[in-house]
Protein backbone atom coordinates (compact mmCIF):
# COMPACT_ATOMS: atom_id res chain seq x y z
CA MET A 1 19.40 16.11 -6.43
CA ILE A 2 16.55 17.16 -8.48
CA ARG A 3 13.55 18.43 -6.56
CA VAL A 4 10.30 19.06 -8.38
CA ASN A 5 7.40 20.86 -6.81
CA LEU A 6 4.09 18.99 -7.27
CA GLY A 7 1.78 21.36 -5.56
CA ALA A 8 -0.08 21.69 -2.31
CA ALA A 9 -1.25 18.33 -0.47
CA GLY A 10 -3.48 20.13 2.08
CA LYS A 11 -3.20 20.02 5.78
CA TYR A 12 -2.83 17.35 8.31
CA CYS A 13 -3.72 17.73 11.93
CA ASP A 14 -0.40 18.86 13.07
CA GLY A 15 -1.43 22.09 11.47
CA LEU A 16 1.51 22.36 8.90
CA SER A 17 0.60 23.18 5.38
CA ARG A 18 2.73 20.71 3.22
CA ARG A 19 3.70 20.57 -0.53
CA SER A 20 4.33 17.39 -2.23
CA PHE A 21 7.87 17.02 -3.75
CA LEU A 22 9.22 14.51 -6.09
CA GLN A 23 12.65 14.03 -5.08
CA LEU A 24 15.43 12.16 -7.58
CA GLY A 25 18.39 11.16 -5.77
CA VAL A 26 20.81 10.86 -8.66
CA ALA A 27 23.84 9.59 -6.55
CA GLY A 28 21.74 6.53 -5.21
CA MET A 29 20.51 5.32 -8.77
CA GLY A 30 22.00 2.11 -9.83
CA ALA A 31 23.50 1.48 -6.39
CA ALA A 32 21.99 -2.22 -6.46
CA GLY A 33 22.29 -3.09 -10.00
CA LEU A 34 20.96 -6.09 -11.91
CA GLY A 35 23.65 -8.36 -11.10
CA ARG A 36 23.03 -8.01 -7.22
CA VAL A 37 19.27 -8.71 -7.70
CA LEU A 38 19.93 -11.83 -9.69
CA GLN A 39 22.48 -12.86 -7.22
CA ALA A 40 19.71 -12.46 -4.38
CA LYS A 41 17.28 -14.35 -6.36
CA GLU A 42 19.63 -17.22 -6.90
CA ALA A 43 20.55 -17.17 -3.23
CA SER A 44 16.73 -17.28 -2.23
CA ALA A 45 16.35 -20.41 -4.73
CA ASN A 46 19.41 -22.15 -3.13
CA ALA A 47 18.19 -21.47 0.23
CA GLY A 48 14.85 -23.17 -0.62
CA ALA A 49 12.48 -20.32 -0.85
CA PRO A 50 9.55 -21.40 -3.22
CA ARG A 51 9.17 -19.73 -6.55
CA LYS A 52 5.76 -18.15 -6.57
CA ASN A 53 3.39 -16.20 -8.98
CA THR A 54 1.35 -14.36 -6.09
CA SER A 55 0.49 -10.71 -6.17
CA VAL A 56 -0.15 -8.12 -3.48
CA ILE A 57 -3.24 -5.64 -3.28
CA LEU A 58 -2.64 -3.24 -0.28
CA LEU A 59 -5.41 -0.94 0.77
CA TRP A 60 -3.76 1.96 2.18
CA LEU A 61 -6.08 3.97 4.81
CA ASP A 62 -4.25 7.16 4.97
CA GLY A 63 -4.64 9.14 8.12
CA GLY A 64 -4.96 6.18 10.68
CA PRO A 65 -7.99 3.96 10.79
CA GLY A 66 -9.14 3.23 14.55
CA HIS A 67 -9.03 -0.62 15.48
CA MET A 68 -11.88 -0.14 18.08
CA ASP A 69 -14.27 1.08 15.52
CA MET A 70 -13.60 -1.52 12.77
CA TYR A 71 -11.92 -5.02 13.71
CA ASP A 72 -11.19 -5.02 17.62
CA MET A 73 -14.17 -3.71 19.27
CA LYS A 74 -14.52 -3.69 22.96
CA PRO A 75 -18.38 -3.87 23.80
CA ALA A 76 -17.70 -4.58 27.60
CA ALA A 77 -15.44 -1.55 27.88
CA PRO A 78 -16.84 1.88 29.52
CA ALA A 79 -18.76 4.01 26.79
CA GLU A 80 -15.95 6.46 26.31
CA TYR A 81 -13.79 3.44 25.15
CA ARG A 82 -16.10 1.12 23.42
CA GLY A 83 -17.41 4.00 21.06
CA ILE A 84 -20.44 4.52 19.15
CA TRP A 85 -21.18 1.31 17.05
CA SER A 86 -21.79 -2.32 18.08
CA PRO A 87 -20.12 -5.34 16.85
CA ILE A 88 -21.94 -7.85 14.93
CA ARG A 89 -21.22 -11.74 14.37
CA THR A 90 -19.60 -13.14 11.48
CA ASN A 91 -19.63 -16.63 9.59
CA VAL A 92 -16.94 -17.62 11.90
CA PRO A 93 -17.98 -18.33 15.38
CA GLY A 94 -15.99 -16.00 18.12
CA ILE A 95 -15.29 -13.51 15.45
CA GLU A 96 -17.13 -10.05 15.64
CA ILE A 97 -16.60 -6.94 13.72
CA THR A 98 -18.26 -3.63 13.39
CA GLU A 99 -21.92 -3.46 12.37
CA LEU A 100 -20.93 -1.04 9.54
CA PHE A 101 -19.26 -4.15 7.99
CA PRO A 102 -22.30 -6.49 7.19
CA LEU A 103 -20.91 -7.75 3.96
CA GLN A 104 -17.54 -8.45 5.32
CA ALA A 105 -19.40 -10.26 8.13
CA LYS A 106 -20.68 -12.72 5.46
CA ILE A 107 -17.26 -13.82 4.41
CA ALA A 108 -15.15 -13.64 7.58
CA ASP A 109 -13.81 -17.19 6.61
CA LYS A 110 -11.87 -15.45 3.73
CA PHE A 111 -9.94 -13.06 5.88
CA SER A 112 -7.92 -13.05 8.87
CA ILE A 113 -7.17 -10.06 11.53
CA VAL A 114 -3.87 -9.37 13.30
CA ARG A 115 -5.12 -7.45 16.40
CA SER A 116 -1.94 -7.04 18.37
CA LEU A 117 0.31 -5.00 15.87
CA HIS A 118 2.10 -1.98 17.35
CA HIS A 119 5.03 0.41 16.66
CA ASP A 120 4.23 2.74 19.54
CA SER A 121 4.54 6.14 17.51
CA GLY A 122 1.49 8.59 17.50
CA ASP A 123 3.37 10.48 14.78
CA HIS A 124 2.00 10.20 11.22
CA PHE A 125 5.19 10.49 9.58
CA THR A 126 7.01 7.96 11.82
CA GLY A 127 4.12 5.60 11.83
CA GLY A 128 3.96 5.85 7.87
CA HIS A 129 7.49 5.07 7.60
CA TRP A 130 7.36 2.25 10.17
CA MET A 131 4.42 0.56 8.18
CA LEU A 132 5.59 1.32 4.60
CA THR A 133 9.47 0.89 5.00
CA GLY A 134 9.88 -1.25 8.32
CA ARG A 135 11.79 1.30 10.16
CA GLY A 136 10.87 4.46 12.09
CA ALA A 137 13.96 6.11 13.42
CA GLY A 138 14.93 9.56 12.18
CA VAL A 139 11.62 10.21 10.55
CA SER A 140 9.11 12.59 12.32
CA GLY A 141 6.57 15.73 11.75
CA GLY A 142 9.93 17.65 12.01
CA ALA A 143 12.01 15.54 9.68
CA THR A 144 9.53 14.01 6.96
CA ASP A 145 11.84 12.84 4.15
CA GLY A 146 11.87 9.05 3.83
CA LYS A 147 15.21 7.06 4.70
CA TYR A 148 14.25 3.64 3.31
CA PRO A 149 12.51 2.18 0.55
CA PHE A 150 8.82 0.93 0.29
CA PHE A 151 8.57 -2.84 0.97
CA GLY A 152 6.87 -3.26 -2.11
CA ALA A 153 9.35 -1.40 -4.14
CA ILE A 154 12.07 -3.85 -2.70
CA ALA A 155 9.64 -6.93 -3.60
CA THR A 156 9.20 -5.76 -6.90
CA LYS A 157 12.77 -4.99 -7.74
CA MET A 158 13.39 -8.49 -6.72
CA SER A 159 10.52 -10.08 -8.60
CA GLY A 160 9.64 -7.75 -11.34
CA PRO A 161 6.23 -8.16 -12.97
CA ARG A 162 4.41 -11.52 -13.10
CA HIS A 163 3.89 -10.96 -16.83
CA ALA A 164 5.99 -9.16 -19.38
CA GLY A 165 4.68 -5.98 -20.47
CA MET A 166 2.73 -5.05 -17.21
CA PRO A 167 4.25 -2.52 -14.68
CA ALA A 168 5.53 -4.32 -11.54
CA ASN A 169 4.48 -1.84 -9.00
CA VAL A 170 1.38 0.46 -9.57
CA ALA A 171 -0.60 3.08 -7.36
CA ILE A 172 -4.31 3.96 -7.78
CA PRO A 173 -4.73 6.89 -8.14
CA HIS A 174 -1.52 7.89 -6.72
CA ALA A 175 1.41 6.89 -4.33
CA MET A 176 1.17 9.17 -1.33
CA SER A 177 1.64 8.95 2.30
CA ILE A 178 0.77 11.73 4.77
CA GLY A 179 0.66 14.13 2.00
CA LYS A 180 3.97 13.41 0.30
CA ARG A 181 4.27 12.08 -3.14
CA PRO A 182 5.47 9.36 -3.24
CA GLY A 183 6.52 9.68 0.17
CA TYR A 184 7.21 6.64 2.00
CA PHE A 185 5.99 4.56 -1.08
CA GLY A 186 9.20 5.70 -3.05
CA GLY A 187 11.99 3.55 -4.20
CA ASN A 188 14.52 5.90 -2.22
CA TYR A 189 18.04 4.31 -2.57
CA LEU A 190 16.70 1.78 -5.00
CA GLY A 191 16.28 4.43 -7.54
CA VAL A 192 13.29 6.34 -8.60
CA GLU A 193 12.45 3.83 -11.32
CA HIS A 194 11.26 1.55 -8.53
CA ASN A 195 8.55 4.16 -7.54
CA PRO A 196 5.01 2.95 -8.24
CA PHE A 197 3.57 3.86 -11.57
CA ASP A 198 0.55 6.18 -10.80
CA THR A 199 -2.48 5.82 -12.71
CA GLY A 200 -3.76 9.25 -11.91
CA GLY A 201 -7.61 10.25 -12.22
CA ASP A 202 -10.67 8.76 -10.54
CA PRO A 203 -11.48 5.12 -11.61
CA ASN A 204 -15.20 5.74 -11.05
CA SER A 205 -15.27 8.64 -13.52
CA ALA A 206 -17.06 7.84 -16.88
CA LYS A 207 -13.96 9.47 -18.61
CA PHE A 208 -11.29 7.84 -16.74
CA GLN A 209 -8.02 7.22 -18.50
CA VAL A 210 -4.81 6.03 -17.13
CA GLN A 211 -1.96 8.76 -17.88
CA ASN A 212 0.91 7.87 -20.01
CA ILE A 213 -0.15 4.93 -21.76
CA ALA A 214 -1.92 6.11 -24.90
CA LEU A 215 0.10 7.27 -28.10
CA GLN A 216 -0.28 10.93 -28.65
CA ASN A 217 -1.74 12.44 -31.71
CA GLN A 218 -1.02 10.36 -34.97
CA MET A 219 1.90 8.55 -33.53
CA THR A 220 1.94 4.90 -34.42
CA ILE A 221 3.72 1.74 -32.99
CA GLU A 222 6.04 1.71 -35.81
CA ARG A 223 6.92 5.43 -35.57
CA LEU A 224 7.53 4.93 -31.75
CA GLU A 225 9.87 2.11 -32.67
CA ASN A 226 11.65 4.12 -35.30
CA ARG A 227 12.16 7.10 -32.75
CA ARG A 228 13.10 4.68 -29.89
CA SER A 229 15.93 3.19 -32.20
CA LEU A 230 17.08 6.56 -33.05
CA LEU A 231 17.28 7.62 -29.44
CA THR A 232 18.85 4.53 -28.34
CA SER A 233 21.80 5.05 -30.88
CA PHE A 234 22.55 8.57 -29.46
CA ASP A 235 22.40 7.08 -25.84
CA LYS A 236 25.02 4.66 -26.88
CA LEU A 237 27.47 7.61 -27.41
CA GLN A 238 27.28 8.76 -23.91
CA SER A 239 26.87 5.55 -21.78
CA ASP A 240 30.46 4.95 -21.75
CA VAL A 241 31.50 8.18 -20.09
CA ASP A 242 28.45 8.25 -17.49
CA HIS A 243 29.42 6.51 -14.15
CA SER A 244 26.53 8.04 -12.14
CA GLY A 245 24.11 5.69 -13.07
CA ALA A 246 21.84 8.36 -14.11
CA LEU A 247 21.70 7.24 -17.65
CA GLU A 248 21.07 3.55 -16.82
CA ALA A 249 18.14 4.86 -14.70
CA ILE A 250 16.79 7.11 -17.44
CA ASP A 251 17.21 4.17 -19.96
CA ARG A 252 15.19 1.82 -17.46
CA PHE A 253 12.58 4.44 -17.45
CA ASP A 254 12.56 4.88 -21.23
CA ARG A 255 12.33 1.06 -21.75
CA GLN A 256 9.41 0.85 -19.05
CA ALA A 257 7.51 3.56 -20.72
CA TYR A 258 7.78 1.85 -24.21
CA GLU A 259 6.75 -1.55 -22.81
CA LEU A 260 3.67 0.03 -21.40
CA VAL A 261 2.65 2.02 -24.30
CA THR A 262 3.13 -0.94 -26.63
CA SER A 263 1.64 -3.52 -24.38
CA GLN A 264 -1.97 -4.54 -25.33
CA ARG A 265 -2.20 -6.40 -22.26
CA ALA A 266 -1.59 -3.40 -20.29
CA ARG A 267 -3.84 -1.28 -21.92
CA GLU A 268 -6.50 -3.69 -21.85
CA ALA A 269 -5.80 -4.35 -18.13
CA PHE A 270 -6.27 -0.61 -17.29
CA ASP A 271 -9.53 -0.38 -19.26
CA LEU A 272 -12.42 -0.58 -16.75
CA SER A 273 -15.15 -0.43 -19.40
CA ARG A 274 -14.41 -3.95 -20.17
CA GLU A 275 -15.98 -5.13 -16.96
CA ASP A 276 -19.70 -6.12 -16.69
CA ASP A 277 -21.74 -3.34 -14.89
CA LYS A 278 -23.16 -5.85 -12.39
CA LEU A 279 -19.61 -6.86 -11.32
CA ARG A 280 -18.74 -2.96 -11.17
CA ASP A 281 -21.86 -2.47 -8.87
CA SER A 282 -20.76 -5.18 -6.65
CA TYR A 283 -17.29 -3.42 -5.72
CA GLY A 284 -19.38 -0.03 -5.26
CA ARG A 285 -19.70 2.75 -7.86
CA HIS A 286 -17.37 5.10 -5.98
CA SER A 287 -13.82 6.04 -6.36
CA TRP A 288 -12.86 3.33 -3.81
CA GLY A 289 -14.58 0.62 -5.09
CA GLN A 290 -13.59 1.24 -8.74
CA SER A 291 -10.06 1.42 -7.50
CA VAL A 292 -10.08 -1.82 -6.13
CA LEU A 293 -11.70 -3.39 -9.21
CA LEU A 294 -8.92 -1.91 -11.17
CA ALA A 295 -6.43 -3.38 -8.79
CA ARG A 296 -7.87 -6.78 -9.43
CA ARG A 297 -7.64 -6.33 -13.04
CA LEU A 298 -3.95 -5.29 -12.78
CA VAL A 299 -2.88 -8.32 -10.67
CA GLU A 300 -4.92 -10.77 -12.92
CA ALA A 301 -2.97 -9.24 -16.03
CA GLY A 302 0.46 -9.42 -14.28
CA THR A 303 1.13 -6.75 -12.08
CA THR A 304 3.03 -7.80 -8.98
CA PHE A 305 2.08 -5.08 -6.33
CA VAL A 306 -0.90 -2.59 -6.38
CA THR A 307 -1.52 -0.05 -3.76
CA CYS A 308 -5.00 1.63 -3.51
CA HIS A 309 -4.72 5.19 -1.52
CA PHE A 310 -7.76 5.93 0.59
CA GLY A 311 -7.07 9.07 2.44
CA GLY A 312 -8.98 10.97 4.99
CA TRP A 313 -8.96 8.72 8.19
CA ASP A 314 -7.52 11.44 10.57
CA HIS A 315 -10.80 11.78 12.71
CA HIS A 316 -9.80 13.69 15.63
CA TRP A 317 -13.45 14.87 15.76
CA ASN A 318 -16.72 14.25 13.89
CA LEU A 319 -15.87 10.30 14.06
CA GLN A 320 -19.33 9.25 13.80
CA SER A 321 -20.14 11.10 10.34
CA GLY A 322 -16.67 10.21 9.07
CA MET A 323 -17.07 6.61 9.70
CA ASN A 324 -20.58 6.45 8.57
CA ASN A 325 -19.25 7.69 5.20
CA TYR A 326 -16.24 5.67 4.92
CA LEU A 327 -16.83 2.27 6.45
CA PRO A 328 -19.83 1.20 4.19
CA LYS A 329 -17.66 2.16 1.02
CA LEU A 330 -14.74 0.00 2.32
CA ASP A 331 -17.00 -2.87 3.43
CA GLN A 332 -18.36 -2.97 -0.47
CA ALA A 333 -14.92 -2.66 -1.96
CA VAL A 334 -13.32 -5.33 0.46
CA SER A 335 -16.26 -7.75 0.05
CA GLY A 336 -16.39 -7.14 -3.74
CA LEU A 337 -12.86 -7.86 -4.19
CA LEU A 338 -12.60 -11.23 -2.15
CA ASN A 339 -15.86 -12.60 -3.64
CA ASP A 340 -14.44 -11.73 -7.13
CA LEU A 341 -10.97 -13.10 -6.32
CA ASP A 342 -12.75 -16.15 -5.03
CA ASP A 343 -14.93 -16.76 -7.94
CA ARG A 344 -12.17 -16.34 -10.45
CA GLY A 345 -10.13 -18.90 -8.59
CA LEU A 346 -7.55 -16.12 -7.84
CA LEU A 347 -7.82 -15.79 -4.05
CA ASP A 348 -4.82 -17.94 -3.18
CA GLN A 349 -2.62 -16.07 -5.76
CA VAL A 350 -3.42 -12.35 -4.54
CA LEU A 351 -2.76 -11.53 -0.97
CA VAL A 352 -4.97 -8.58 0.31
CA VAL A 353 -3.63 -6.18 2.87
CA LEU A 354 -5.61 -3.60 4.66
CA CYS A 355 -3.84 -1.24 7.16
CA GLY A 356 -2.78 2.63 7.75
CA GLU A 357 -0.05 4.25 9.45
CA PHE A 358 -1.52 3.94 13.07
CA SER A 359 -4.83 3.39 15.02
CA ARG A 360 -6.72 5.94 17.05
CA THR A 361 -6.83 6.31 20.90
CA PRO A 362 -8.96 3.69 22.48
CA ARG A 363 -10.53 6.39 24.69
CA MET A 364 -12.71 8.87 22.64
CA ASN A 365 -11.99 12.73 23.24
CA ASP A 366 -14.72 15.62 23.72
CA GLY A 367 -14.21 17.03 20.33
CA GLY A 368 -12.56 20.05 21.82
CA ASN A 369 -9.06 19.51 20.42
CA GLY A 370 -7.88 21.49 23.63
CA GLY A 371 -10.56 23.84 23.56
CA PRO A 372 -14.13 23.73 25.04
CA PRO A 373 -15.99 20.23 24.33
CA LEU A 374 -17.57 20.13 21.17
CA SER A 375 -16.01 23.21 19.86
CA MET A 376 -14.29 21.45 17.07
CA GLY A 377 -17.32 18.94 16.16
CA THR A 378 -18.51 15.92 17.81
CA PRO A 379 -16.16 13.42 19.64
CA GLY A 380 -13.34 11.50 17.99
CA ARG A 381 -10.32 9.75 18.46
CA ASP A 382 -6.61 10.81 18.54
CA HIS A 383 -3.34 9.40 17.44
CA TRP A 384 -2.47 5.78 18.92
CA GLY A 385 0.52 3.37 17.82
CA ASN A 386 0.41 1.19 20.62
CA ALA A 387 -2.29 -1.16 19.38
CA MET A 388 -3.29 -1.52 15.63
CA PHE A 389 -4.90 -3.82 13.31
CA CYS A 390 -3.80 -5.41 10.02
CA PHE A 391 -6.11 -7.32 7.79
CA PHE A 392 -4.87 -10.34 5.52
CA ALA A 393 -6.73 -12.33 2.82
CA GLY A 394 -5.75 -14.63 0.29
CA GLY A 395 -2.31 -15.12 -0.97
CA GLY A 396 -1.75 -18.58 0.80
CA THR A 397 -2.95 -17.21 4.34
CA GLN A 398 -5.80 -18.82 6.03
CA GLY A 399 -9.03 -17.01 6.60
CA GLY A 400 -11.20 -17.04 9.56
CA ARG A 401 -8.58 -16.44 12.15
CA ILE A 402 -7.59 -13.78 14.78
CA VAL A 403 -3.87 -13.24 15.62
CA GLY A 404 -3.22 -11.72 19.04
CA SER A 405 -5.48 -9.60 21.14
CA THR A 406 -5.39 -6.27 22.90
CA ASN A 407 -6.42 -5.67 26.64
CA ARG A 408 -9.88 -4.98 27.75
CA LEU A 409 -9.49 -1.37 26.83
CA GLY A 410 -7.84 -1.89 23.61
CA GLU A 411 -4.84 0.00 24.64
CA VAL A 412 -1.83 -2.48 23.99
CA PRO A 413 -1.06 -5.86 22.95
CA GLN A 414 -2.24 -8.51 25.50
CA ASP A 415 -0.65 -11.38 23.72
CA ARG A 416 1.45 -11.99 20.59
CA PRO A 417 2.53 -8.50 20.16
CA LEU A 418 3.80 -8.02 16.58
CA ARG A 419 5.57 -5.36 14.69
CA PRO A 420 5.74 -4.09 11.20
CA GLY A 421 8.62 -6.10 10.20
CA ASP A 422 6.46 -9.17 11.11
CA ILE A 423 3.86 -7.94 8.62
CA HIS A 424 6.29 -7.41 5.82
CA HIS A 425 8.01 -11.05 6.37
CA THR A 426 4.49 -12.41 5.81
CA ILE A 427 4.01 -10.45 2.79
CA TYR A 428 7.49 -11.39 1.34
CA HIS A 429 6.63 -15.06 2.06
CA SER A 430 3.53 -15.01 0.20
CA LEU A 431 5.54 -13.39 -2.80
CA GLY A 432 8.35 -15.78 -2.60
CA VAL A 433 10.77 -12.61 -2.06
CA ASP A 434 13.96 -13.21 0.06
CA PRO A 435 13.63 -10.94 3.12
CA HIS A 436 17.33 -11.17 3.80
CA ALA A 437 18.46 -9.45 0.61
CA SER A 438 20.57 -6.48 0.98
CA PHE A 439 20.57 -3.18 -1.03
CA LEU A 440 23.20 -0.40 -0.90
CA ASP A 441 22.14 2.68 0.42
CA HIS A 442 23.34 6.21 -0.78
CA SER A 443 26.58 5.84 1.09
CA GLY A 444 27.37 2.39 -0.15
CA ARG A 445 26.33 0.68 3.06
CA PRO A 446 24.49 -2.61 2.54
CA ILE A 447 20.97 -2.40 4.21
CA PRO A 448 18.93 -5.68 4.61
CA ALA A 449 15.24 -5.76 3.18
CA ILE A 450 13.86 -6.16 6.80
CA ASP A 451 15.79 -5.85 9.98
CA HIS A 452 13.13 -7.48 12.32
CA GLY A 453 10.55 -9.88 12.90
CA GLU A 454 9.50 -13.09 11.34
CA VAL A 455 6.82 -14.83 9.18
CA ILE A 456 3.23 -14.81 11.25
CA HIS A 457 2.87 -18.49 11.07
CA GLU A 458 -0.72 -18.48 12.59
CA LEU A 459 -1.81 -17.02 9.16
CA LEU A 460 -0.39 -19.86 7.19
């Protein structure tokens, strides 16, 4: 096991100061090799699973976005439940969302909301593991290491990129869950080569440049090819005696890095300066908006799965100021993306998913966090995994639909309760990935990609 300290990651609400670690589980590398992946693909085709060319953009709201302040408002509930903002009508009769989403209200026919999602955990780490891997057992604030691969890592291992020369799995600006990098976005026993490629930096910066795709100093493509040929000849001397899979994984890293640096398609896709200023404005001239625009450029160029990490949603207090800041930015980024995809004829080819690790308590607190009221700030909401939302748009899903509901106080699903596996089944269906494929864990035991749930048929 190689463990690399990546520095401090700040504090979460449990009061623990964390550091972010990159862990390379060498013993698990190569456990599910190319042959097994090709077999799974063939089995999927023989079973009638359609071959697709869709991609996914996941907007990950790290920290826990509250359903009752966004997409499942309860205006008839008591004041301490219904919260601060009022709902507004959308262009779809019967669908209302927060008044802080006026741009999305104009295009509700392009997206649908699952309102009855739950996994019943109020622990950041358990919830994040549920939502990003489909499993929650054994992970908590006291045992934070991931045990299973990110569902996007499984999908991209199965499908690869949609176009040669593009990375299959990308995170903007980085893959991080609850302060851990890559956290539950990692490939785990699939191998670290299936972790997302991190862009780094702030896409809204005038000096934004993606790391690791530029040639250093006076290096040319020709010199790079000569150096790679030399290294390959040395590697062949060792490959016959290596049985751990480590060299195979390193070779894949080397090949992916080479393809990325030498691909003009990739370099152009990562270059936001090629976009028209007016279009960039429509996404929002802030890091979230420009991250989402970069995600669109990547899927258009052939990346299969892009995650945009938006942190800071752990609003135990000062909910009003936090949401007044965040929701308009999110509204602009989401509406800009959906309108842009639609204008380009790409909405059916790109599935947009918006969610976090859990939601917030239906009943607002007093801002005291166990102390006198307002001692920590103005009121907020605490952790809640018993009722959550998930936003879907494009990728073959239908817009203008609400799936499931919560009770009158927003506490629990009232009908059509759904779990993370149902979300993952639906995403795999959109991608054309076999959800029944299995991969060997570190002990050599076959583990299915998803162990519960089914496709949410109301969205199709």
